[in-house]
N, C-alpha and C. Protein backbone atom coordinates (compact mmCIF):
# COMPACT_ATOMS: atom_id res chain seq x y z
N MET A 1 7.53 3.14 10.45
CA MET A 1 6.65 2.06 10.08
C MET A 1 7.26 0.77 10.63
N THR A 2 6.39 -0.03 11.21
CA THR A 2 6.86 -1.27 11.80
C THR A 2 5.86 -2.39 11.54
N ILE A 3 6.37 -3.54 11.20
CA ILE A 3 5.57 -4.77 11.16
C ILE A 3 6.23 -5.73 12.14
N GLU A 4 5.45 -6.26 13.08
CA GLU A 4 5.99 -7.17 14.09
C GLU A 4 5.27 -8.51 14.05
N ASN A 5 6.03 -9.56 13.79
CA ASN A 5 5.55 -10.94 13.81
C ASN A 5 4.17 -11.08 13.16
N ALA A 6 4.03 -10.51 11.96
CA ALA A 6 2.74 -10.46 11.29
C ALA A 6 2.67 -11.44 10.12
N SER A 7 1.46 -11.91 9.88
CA SER A 7 1.17 -12.75 8.73
C SER A 7 0.01 -12.13 7.96
N PHE A 8 0.07 -12.21 6.63
CA PHE A 8 -0.91 -11.56 5.77
C PHE A 8 -1.40 -12.51 4.70
N SER A 9 -2.65 -12.30 4.28
CA SER A 9 -3.26 -13.13 3.25
C SER A 9 -4.06 -12.24 2.31
N TRP A 10 -4.25 -12.72 1.08
CA TRP A 10 -5.16 -12.04 0.17
C TRP A 10 -6.60 -12.45 0.44
N ASN A 11 -6.80 -13.49 1.26
CA ASN A 11 -8.12 -14.00 1.60
C ASN A 11 -8.74 -13.09 2.66
N SER A 12 -9.84 -12.42 2.35
CA SER A 12 -10.40 -11.40 3.24
C SER A 12 -11.16 -11.96 4.44
N ASP A 13 -11.45 -13.26 4.49
CA ASP A 13 -12.21 -13.77 5.63
C ASP A 13 -11.32 -14.28 6.77
N LYS A 14 -10.01 -14.04 6.68
CA LYS A 14 -9.04 -14.35 7.73
C LYS A 14 -8.93 -15.84 8.05
N THR A 15 -9.36 -16.70 7.16
CA THR A 15 -9.16 -18.13 7.39
C THR A 15 -7.73 -18.49 7.00
N THR A 16 -7.30 -19.66 7.38
CA THR A 16 -5.95 -20.09 7.02
C THR A 16 -5.98 -21.01 5.80
N ASP A 17 -7.07 -21.00 5.05
CA ASP A 17 -7.17 -21.82 3.85
C ASP A 17 -7.45 -20.91 2.67
N PRO A 18 -6.51 -20.60 1.82
CA PRO A 18 -5.14 -21.07 1.79
C PRO A 18 -4.31 -20.42 2.89
N PRO A 19 -3.13 -20.96 3.19
CA PRO A 19 -2.28 -20.38 4.24
C PRO A 19 -1.85 -18.97 3.86
N PRO A 20 -1.49 -18.15 4.86
CA PRO A 20 -1.07 -16.78 4.59
C PRO A 20 0.09 -16.73 3.58
N LEU A 21 0.04 -15.73 2.72
CA LEU A 21 1.09 -15.56 1.72
C LEU A 21 2.39 -15.07 2.36
N LEU A 22 2.27 -14.13 3.29
CA LEU A 22 3.43 -13.62 4.04
C LEU A 22 3.30 -14.08 5.48
N GLN A 23 4.33 -14.71 6.02
CA GLN A 23 4.26 -15.25 7.37
C GLN A 23 5.43 -14.77 8.22
N ASN A 24 5.14 -14.46 9.49
CA ASN A 24 6.17 -14.09 10.48
C ASN A 24 7.08 -12.97 9.99
N ILE A 25 6.47 -11.90 9.49
CA ILE A 25 7.21 -10.76 8.95
C ILE A 25 7.58 -9.80 10.07
N ASN A 26 8.84 -9.42 10.12
CA ASN A 26 9.35 -8.39 11.04
C ASN A 26 10.12 -7.39 10.20
N LEU A 27 9.69 -6.12 10.26
CA LEU A 27 10.30 -5.09 9.45
C LEU A 27 10.16 -3.75 10.16
N LYS A 28 11.24 -2.98 10.20
CA LYS A 28 11.18 -1.65 10.79
C LYS A 28 11.84 -0.67 9.83
N CYS A 29 11.10 0.36 9.43
CA CYS A 29 11.62 1.41 8.57
C CYS A 29 11.77 2.67 9.41
N GLU A 30 12.95 3.26 9.37
CA GLU A 30 13.20 4.45 10.18
C GLU A 30 12.42 5.65 9.67
N SER A 31 11.98 6.47 10.60
CA SER A 31 11.24 7.67 10.28
C SER A 31 12.12 8.64 9.50
N CYS A 32 11.53 9.34 8.54
CA CYS A 32 12.21 10.34 7.71
C CYS A 32 13.35 9.76 6.88
N LYS A 33 13.28 8.48 6.57
CA LYS A 33 14.28 7.83 5.73
C LYS A 33 13.59 7.23 4.53
N CYS A 34 14.25 7.25 3.39
CA CYS A 34 13.73 6.62 2.19
C CYS A 34 14.10 5.13 2.25
N THR A 35 13.13 4.27 2.07
CA THR A 35 13.37 2.83 2.14
C THR A 35 12.96 2.19 0.82
N ALA A 36 13.82 1.34 0.30
CA ALA A 36 13.53 0.62 -0.94
C ALA A 36 13.40 -0.86 -0.62
N ILE A 37 12.47 -1.51 -1.28
CA ILE A 37 12.30 -2.96 -1.15
C ILE A 37 12.71 -3.57 -2.48
N VAL A 38 13.75 -4.39 -2.45
CA VAL A 38 14.29 -4.97 -3.67
C VAL A 38 14.37 -6.48 -3.53
N GLY A 39 14.38 -7.15 -4.66
CA GLY A 39 14.51 -8.61 -4.66
C GLY A 39 14.15 -9.18 -6.01
N ARG A 40 14.30 -10.49 -6.11
CA ARG A 40 13.99 -11.18 -7.36
C ARG A 40 12.49 -11.18 -7.64
N THR A 41 12.14 -11.46 -8.87
CA THR A 41 10.74 -11.58 -9.28
C THR A 41 10.06 -12.67 -8.46
N GLY A 42 8.89 -12.34 -7.92
CA GLY A 42 8.10 -13.32 -7.20
C GLY A 42 8.48 -13.53 -5.75
N CYS A 43 9.38 -12.70 -5.20
CA CYS A 43 9.82 -12.93 -3.82
C CYS A 43 8.94 -12.24 -2.79
N GLY A 44 7.96 -11.41 -3.21
CA GLY A 44 7.02 -10.80 -2.26
C GLY A 44 7.17 -9.31 -2.07
N LYS A 45 7.93 -8.63 -2.92
CA LYS A 45 8.12 -7.18 -2.78
C LYS A 45 6.78 -6.43 -2.83
N SER A 46 6.00 -6.70 -3.85
CA SER A 46 4.71 -6.01 -3.99
C SER A 46 3.76 -6.40 -2.87
N SER A 47 3.83 -7.64 -2.43
CA SER A 47 2.95 -8.09 -1.35
C SER A 47 3.27 -7.39 -0.03
N ILE A 48 4.55 -7.21 0.28
CA ILE A 48 4.90 -6.53 1.53
C ILE A 48 4.46 -5.07 1.49
N ILE A 49 4.56 -4.45 0.34
CA ILE A 49 4.07 -3.08 0.20
C ILE A 49 2.55 -3.05 0.34
N SER A 50 1.86 -4.01 -0.26
CA SER A 50 0.41 -4.10 -0.13
C SER A 50 -0.01 -4.31 1.32
N ALA A 51 0.79 -5.06 2.06
CA ALA A 51 0.51 -5.27 3.48
C ALA A 51 0.60 -3.94 4.23
N PHE A 52 1.66 -3.17 3.99
CA PHE A 52 1.80 -1.86 4.62
C PHE A 52 0.65 -0.93 4.26
N LEU A 53 0.19 -0.99 3.03
CA LEU A 53 -0.88 -0.11 2.57
C LEU A 53 -2.26 -0.56 3.04
N GLY A 54 -2.34 -1.73 3.68
CA GLY A 54 -3.62 -2.23 4.17
C GLY A 54 -4.44 -2.93 3.12
N GLU A 55 -3.82 -3.30 2.00
CA GLU A 55 -4.54 -3.97 0.92
C GLU A 55 -4.63 -5.47 1.14
N MET A 56 -3.81 -6.01 2.03
CA MET A 56 -3.87 -7.44 2.37
C MET A 56 -4.53 -7.57 3.73
N THR A 57 -5.12 -8.72 4.00
CA THR A 57 -5.72 -8.98 5.29
C THR A 57 -4.65 -9.42 6.28
N LYS A 58 -4.58 -8.75 7.42
CA LYS A 58 -3.63 -9.13 8.46
C LYS A 58 -4.23 -10.28 9.26
N ILE A 59 -3.54 -11.40 9.27
CA ILE A 59 -4.00 -12.58 10.00
C ILE A 59 -3.57 -12.51 11.45
N SER A 60 -2.33 -12.07 11.68
CA SER A 60 -1.81 -11.97 13.04
C SER A 60 -0.70 -10.93 13.06
N GLY A 61 -0.29 -10.56 14.26
CA GLY A 61 0.80 -9.63 14.43
C GLY A 61 0.34 -8.18 14.53
N ARG A 62 1.30 -7.28 14.34
CA ARG A 62 1.03 -5.85 14.53
C ARG A 62 1.65 -5.05 13.39
N VAL A 63 0.90 -4.06 12.90
CA VAL A 63 1.39 -3.12 11.90
C VAL A 63 1.19 -1.73 12.46
N ASN A 64 2.26 -0.92 12.46
CA ASN A 64 2.18 0.43 12.97
C ASN A 64 2.74 1.38 11.92
N VAL A 65 1.90 2.27 11.42
CA VAL A 65 2.33 3.26 10.43
C VAL A 65 2.11 4.63 11.03
N CYS A 66 3.18 5.40 11.15
CA CYS A 66 3.09 6.77 11.65
C CYS A 66 3.38 7.70 10.48
N GLY A 67 2.52 8.65 10.25
CA GLY A 67 2.74 9.59 9.15
C GLY A 67 2.16 9.08 7.86
N LYS A 68 2.83 9.39 6.77
CA LYS A 68 2.32 9.09 5.44
C LYS A 68 3.21 8.09 4.72
N ILE A 69 2.59 7.36 3.80
CA ILE A 69 3.31 6.43 2.95
C ILE A 69 3.11 6.88 1.51
N ALA A 70 4.19 6.92 0.76
CA ALA A 70 4.10 7.21 -0.67
C ALA A 70 4.39 5.93 -1.42
N TYR A 71 3.60 5.66 -2.43
CA TYR A 71 3.78 4.45 -3.22
C TYR A 71 3.72 4.81 -4.70
N VAL A 72 4.72 4.39 -5.43
CA VAL A 72 4.76 4.62 -6.86
C VAL A 72 4.75 3.27 -7.55
N SER A 73 3.70 2.99 -8.27
CA SER A 73 3.55 1.71 -8.95
C SER A 73 4.58 1.54 -10.06
N GLN A 74 4.92 0.30 -10.35
CA GLN A 74 5.84 0.02 -11.44
C GLN A 74 5.18 0.31 -12.78
N GLN A 75 3.87 0.23 -12.83
CA GLN A 75 3.13 0.50 -14.05
C GLN A 75 2.04 1.51 -13.75
N SER A 76 1.91 2.49 -14.61
CA SER A 76 0.85 3.46 -14.41
C SER A 76 -0.49 2.83 -14.81
N TRP A 77 -1.55 3.28 -14.20
CA TRP A 77 -2.88 2.77 -14.54
C TRP A 77 -3.91 3.85 -14.23
N ILE A 78 -5.04 3.74 -14.88
CA ILE A 78 -6.14 4.65 -14.62
C ILE A 78 -7.41 3.82 -14.45
N GLN A 79 -8.36 4.40 -13.76
CA GLN A 79 -9.67 3.77 -13.62
C GLN A 79 -10.49 4.06 -14.87
N ASN A 80 -11.48 3.24 -15.11
CA ASN A 80 -12.40 3.47 -16.21
C ASN A 80 -13.38 4.55 -15.76
N GLY A 81 -12.98 5.81 -15.92
CA GLY A 81 -13.81 6.92 -15.49
C GLY A 81 -13.27 8.22 -16.07
N THR A 82 -13.78 9.32 -15.56
CA THR A 82 -13.35 10.63 -16.04
C THR A 82 -11.99 10.99 -15.43
N LEU A 83 -11.37 12.03 -15.98
CA LEU A 83 -10.13 12.54 -15.42
C LEU A 83 -10.34 12.92 -13.96
N ARG A 84 -11.43 13.60 -13.70
CA ARG A 84 -11.74 14.03 -12.33
C ARG A 84 -11.86 12.83 -11.39
N GLU A 85 -12.54 11.78 -11.82
CA GLU A 85 -12.69 10.57 -10.99
C GLU A 85 -11.34 9.91 -10.74
N ASN A 86 -10.45 9.95 -11.72
CA ASN A 86 -9.12 9.37 -11.55
C ASN A 86 -8.25 10.19 -10.61
N ILE A 87 -8.53 11.46 -10.48
CA ILE A 87 -7.78 12.30 -9.54
C ILE A 87 -8.35 12.16 -8.13
N LEU A 88 -9.65 12.13 -8.00
CA LEU A 88 -10.28 12.12 -6.68
C LEU A 88 -10.29 10.75 -6.01
N PHE A 89 -10.29 9.67 -6.77
CA PHE A 89 -10.36 8.31 -6.22
C PHE A 89 -11.44 8.18 -5.15
N GLY A 90 -12.62 8.77 -5.41
CA GLY A 90 -13.75 8.63 -4.49
C GLY A 90 -13.75 9.60 -3.33
N LYS A 91 -12.74 10.45 -3.23
CA LYS A 91 -12.68 11.42 -2.13
C LYS A 91 -13.50 12.66 -2.47
N GLU A 92 -13.78 13.45 -1.45
CA GLU A 92 -14.56 14.68 -1.60
C GLU A 92 -13.82 15.68 -2.49
N MET A 93 -14.58 16.37 -3.32
CA MET A 93 -14.00 17.38 -4.21
C MET A 93 -13.66 18.63 -3.41
N VAL A 94 -12.37 18.99 -3.45
CA VAL A 94 -11.89 20.24 -2.85
C VAL A 94 -11.22 20.99 -3.99
N GLN A 95 -11.88 22.03 -4.48
CA GLN A 95 -11.46 22.70 -5.71
C GLN A 95 -10.01 23.16 -5.67
N LYS A 96 -9.57 23.75 -4.57
CA LYS A 96 -8.20 24.26 -4.48
C LYS A 96 -7.18 23.11 -4.61
N ARG A 97 -7.45 22.01 -3.96
CA ARG A 97 -6.55 20.85 -4.03
C ARG A 97 -6.58 20.23 -5.43
N TYR A 98 -7.78 20.11 -5.99
CA TYR A 98 -7.95 19.58 -7.34
C TYR A 98 -7.16 20.40 -8.35
N ASP A 99 -7.28 21.73 -8.26
CA ASP A 99 -6.56 22.63 -9.17
C ASP A 99 -5.04 22.46 -9.00
N ARG A 100 -4.58 22.28 -7.76
CA ARG A 100 -3.15 22.09 -7.52
C ARG A 100 -2.66 20.80 -8.15
N VAL A 101 -3.45 19.74 -8.06
CA VAL A 101 -3.07 18.46 -8.69
C VAL A 101 -2.96 18.63 -10.19
N LEU A 102 -3.93 19.29 -10.79
CA LEU A 102 -3.87 19.53 -12.24
C LEU A 102 -2.62 20.33 -12.62
N GLN A 103 -2.31 21.35 -11.84
CA GLN A 103 -1.12 22.17 -12.10
C GLN A 103 0.15 21.34 -11.96
N ASP A 104 0.25 20.56 -10.89
CA ASP A 104 1.45 19.75 -10.66
C ASP A 104 1.65 18.68 -11.74
N CYS A 105 0.55 18.09 -12.19
CA CYS A 105 0.66 17.06 -13.21
C CYS A 105 0.95 17.62 -14.59
N GLY A 106 0.60 18.88 -14.79
CA GLY A 106 0.84 19.51 -16.09
C GLY A 106 2.31 19.81 -16.27
């Protein structure tokens, strides 16, 4: 995973008003390595992870993600829906995979 000279904003229309929350970010995470992002409260840890996950709008620069990203939230949460909806997150129902998730979570 690589971020090169990138700036990110929570503003989805890509304007600079307000200015980007993360600016001129350069980060390279080695393949097949576990990487932790640590720092003081409010320093941007969650924002940089959100940028990698595509939850923030990229204003400039380049983001390259090869393979998969795993993210474990600091707080658990569920959607206001059924157990099945919370497992599928809007994806197509595949019974074998669904059953495996239930088994693993049990």
